[in-house]
Amino acid sequence: MRYRLTKSDVAQLLKEGYIKETVNFGDDELAYVLQIISKDKLTADFKNNIVTTYMPKVMLTELTDTDRVGFENTHGALHLLIEKDFTCLDNVAEDQSDNYPNPLIVQNHEQD
């Protein structure tokens, strides 16, 4: 499972301690939640059509206070990955104003 966090996602995690999104499947709904916890590893569970990924608070602090891009862990058969959502290197039609600046673009401009 992979979470790509925008700037506003990180701000909401800092403020509220979780983010939640839902996807409708006809008459049913799947929810996925990213929740901040005090433990030291990324973990996840699935109950009542809700996928919850638990992210240690220390990881959130590192995402906001350093250049760290993301974190990963294997939890049972799941490979968990949480990372900053960077702007694309190619021109795309989607709005990327809430994404983090792509470090490859910054590096390329510094080399010019």
Protein backbone atom coordinates (compact mmCIF):
# COMPACT_ATOMS: atom_id res chain seq x y z
CA MET A 1 0.00 0.00 0.00
CA ARG A 2 1.24 3.42 -0.89
CA TYR A 3 0.21 6.80 0.44
CA ARG A 4 1.41 9.89 -1.36
CA LEU A 5 0.92 12.89 0.90
CA THR A 6 0.35 16.43 -0.34
CA LYS A 7 1.20 19.49 1.73
CA SER A 8 -2.43 19.80 2.93
CA ASP A 9 -2.48 16.08 3.87
CA VAL A 10 0.55 16.61 6.09
CA ALA A 11 -1.01 19.77 7.57
CA GLN A 12 -4.20 17.83 8.40
CA LEU A 13 -2.19 15.00 9.97
CA LEU A 14 -0.38 17.54 12.15
CA LYS A 15 -3.64 19.22 13.17
CA GLU A 16 -6.08 16.29 13.51
CA GLY A 17 -3.90 13.18 13.71
CA TYR A 18 -5.56 11.41 10.77
CA ILE A 19 -6.82 11.72 7.22
CA LYS A 20 -9.68 9.74 5.71
CA GLU A 21 -10.81 9.20 2.12
CA THR A 22 -13.62 7.06 0.74
CA VAL A 23 -14.36 5.31 -2.54
CA ASN A 24 -17.86 4.21 -3.53
CA PHE A 25 -18.33 0.75 -5.02
CA GLY A 26 -21.97 0.70 -6.04
CA ASP A 27 -23.93 0.10 -2.82
CA ASP A 28 -20.79 -0.20 -0.68
CA GLU A 29 -18.01 2.10 0.39
CA LEU A 30 -14.32 1.52 1.06
CA ALA A 31 -12.62 3.93 3.44
CA TYR A 32 -8.91 4.35 3.91
CA VAL A 33 -7.43 6.14 6.86
CA LEU A 34 -3.94 7.25 7.78
CA GLN A 35 -3.70 7.67 11.54
CA ILE A 36 -0.85 8.99 13.67
CA ILE A 37 0.17 6.76 16.60
CA SER A 38 2.84 6.77 19.30
CA LYS A 39 4.38 3.40 18.31
CA ASP A 40 7.56 3.10 16.24
CA LYS A 41 6.56 1.15 13.08
CA LEU A 42 4.20 1.53 10.15
CA THR A 43 1.39 -0.99 10.48
CA ALA A 44 -2.05 -1.50 8.96
CA ASP A 45 -5.32 -3.33 9.41
CA PHE A 46 -8.57 -3.90 7.54
CA LYS A 47 -11.89 -3.98 9.43
CA ASN A 48 -15.46 -3.20 8.36
CA ASN A 49 -14.41 -1.96 4.89
CA ILE A 50 -11.86 0.44 6.42
CA VAL A 51 -8.17 0.15 5.61
CA THR A 52 -6.25 1.91 8.37
CA THR A 53 -2.55 2.59 8.14
CA TYR A 54 -0.88 3.61 11.38
CA MET A 55 2.02 6.04 11.08
CA PRO A 56 4.31 6.79 14.04
CA LYS A 57 4.28 10.44 15.11
CA VAL A 58 8.09 10.56 14.90
CA MET A 59 7.82 9.81 11.16
CA LEU A 60 5.39 12.69 10.64
CA THR A 61 7.75 15.00 12.50
CA GLU A 62 10.62 13.87 10.29
CA LEU A 63 8.56 14.44 7.12
CA THR A 64 7.78 18.01 8.17
CA ASP A 65 11.12 19.00 9.71
CA THR A 66 13.62 17.38 7.34
CA ASP A 67 14.16 16.57 3.67
CA ARG A 68 13.10 12.97 4.30
CA VAL A 69 10.95 11.74 1.41
CA GLY A 70 9.13 8.82 3.01
CA PHE A 71 9.01 5.67 5.09
CA GLU A 72 8.33 2.01 4.43
CA ASN A 73 7.78 -1.20 6.35
CA THR A 74 6.61 -4.72 5.72
CA HIS A 75 3.65 -5.70 7.89
CA GLY A 76 2.77 -9.34 7.30
CA ALA A 77 2.29 -9.70 3.55
CA LEU A 78 1.79 -5.94 3.10
CA HIS A 79 4.49 -3.59 1.92
CA LEU A 80 3.62 -0.17 3.35
CA LEU A 81 4.98 3.04 1.86
CA ILE A 82 4.23 6.62 2.87
CA GLU A 83 5.91 9.40 0.95
CA LYS A 84 5.63 13.03 -0.04
CA ASP A 85 3.72 13.64 -3.28
CA PHE A 86 6.09 15.53 -5.57
CA THR A 87 5.23 17.50 -8.68
CA CYS A 88 5.67 15.49 -11.88
CA LEU A 89 8.68 16.00 -14.12
CA ASP A 90 6.44 15.79 -17.21
CA ASN A 91 3.69 18.24 -18.06
CA VAL A 92 0.40 16.84 -16.78
CA ALA A 93 -3.12 18.24 -16.79
CA GLU A 94 -3.80 17.62 -13.08
CA ASP A 95 -3.50 20.35 -10.48
CA GLN A 96 -0.20 19.89 -8.65
CA SER A 97 -0.23 23.10 -6.63
CA ASP A 98 -0.52 21.16 -3.34
CA ASN A 99 2.38 18.82 -4.15
CA TYR A 100 5.90 19.17 -2.83
CA PRO A 101 8.54 20.59 -5.20
CA ASN A 102 10.25 17.76 -7.03
CA PRO A 103 13.84 17.52 -5.75
CA LEU A 104 15.03 16.45 -9.21
CA ILE A 105 13.82 19.76 -10.66
CA VAL A 106 15.54 21.72 -7.88
CA GLN A 107 18.81 19.78 -8.43
CA ASN A 108 18.68 20.35 -12.20
CA HIS A 109 18.22 24.12 -11.75
CA GLU A 110 21.13 24.27 -9.29
CA GLN A 111 23.40 22.58 -11.86
CA ASP A 112 22.52 25.10 -14.61
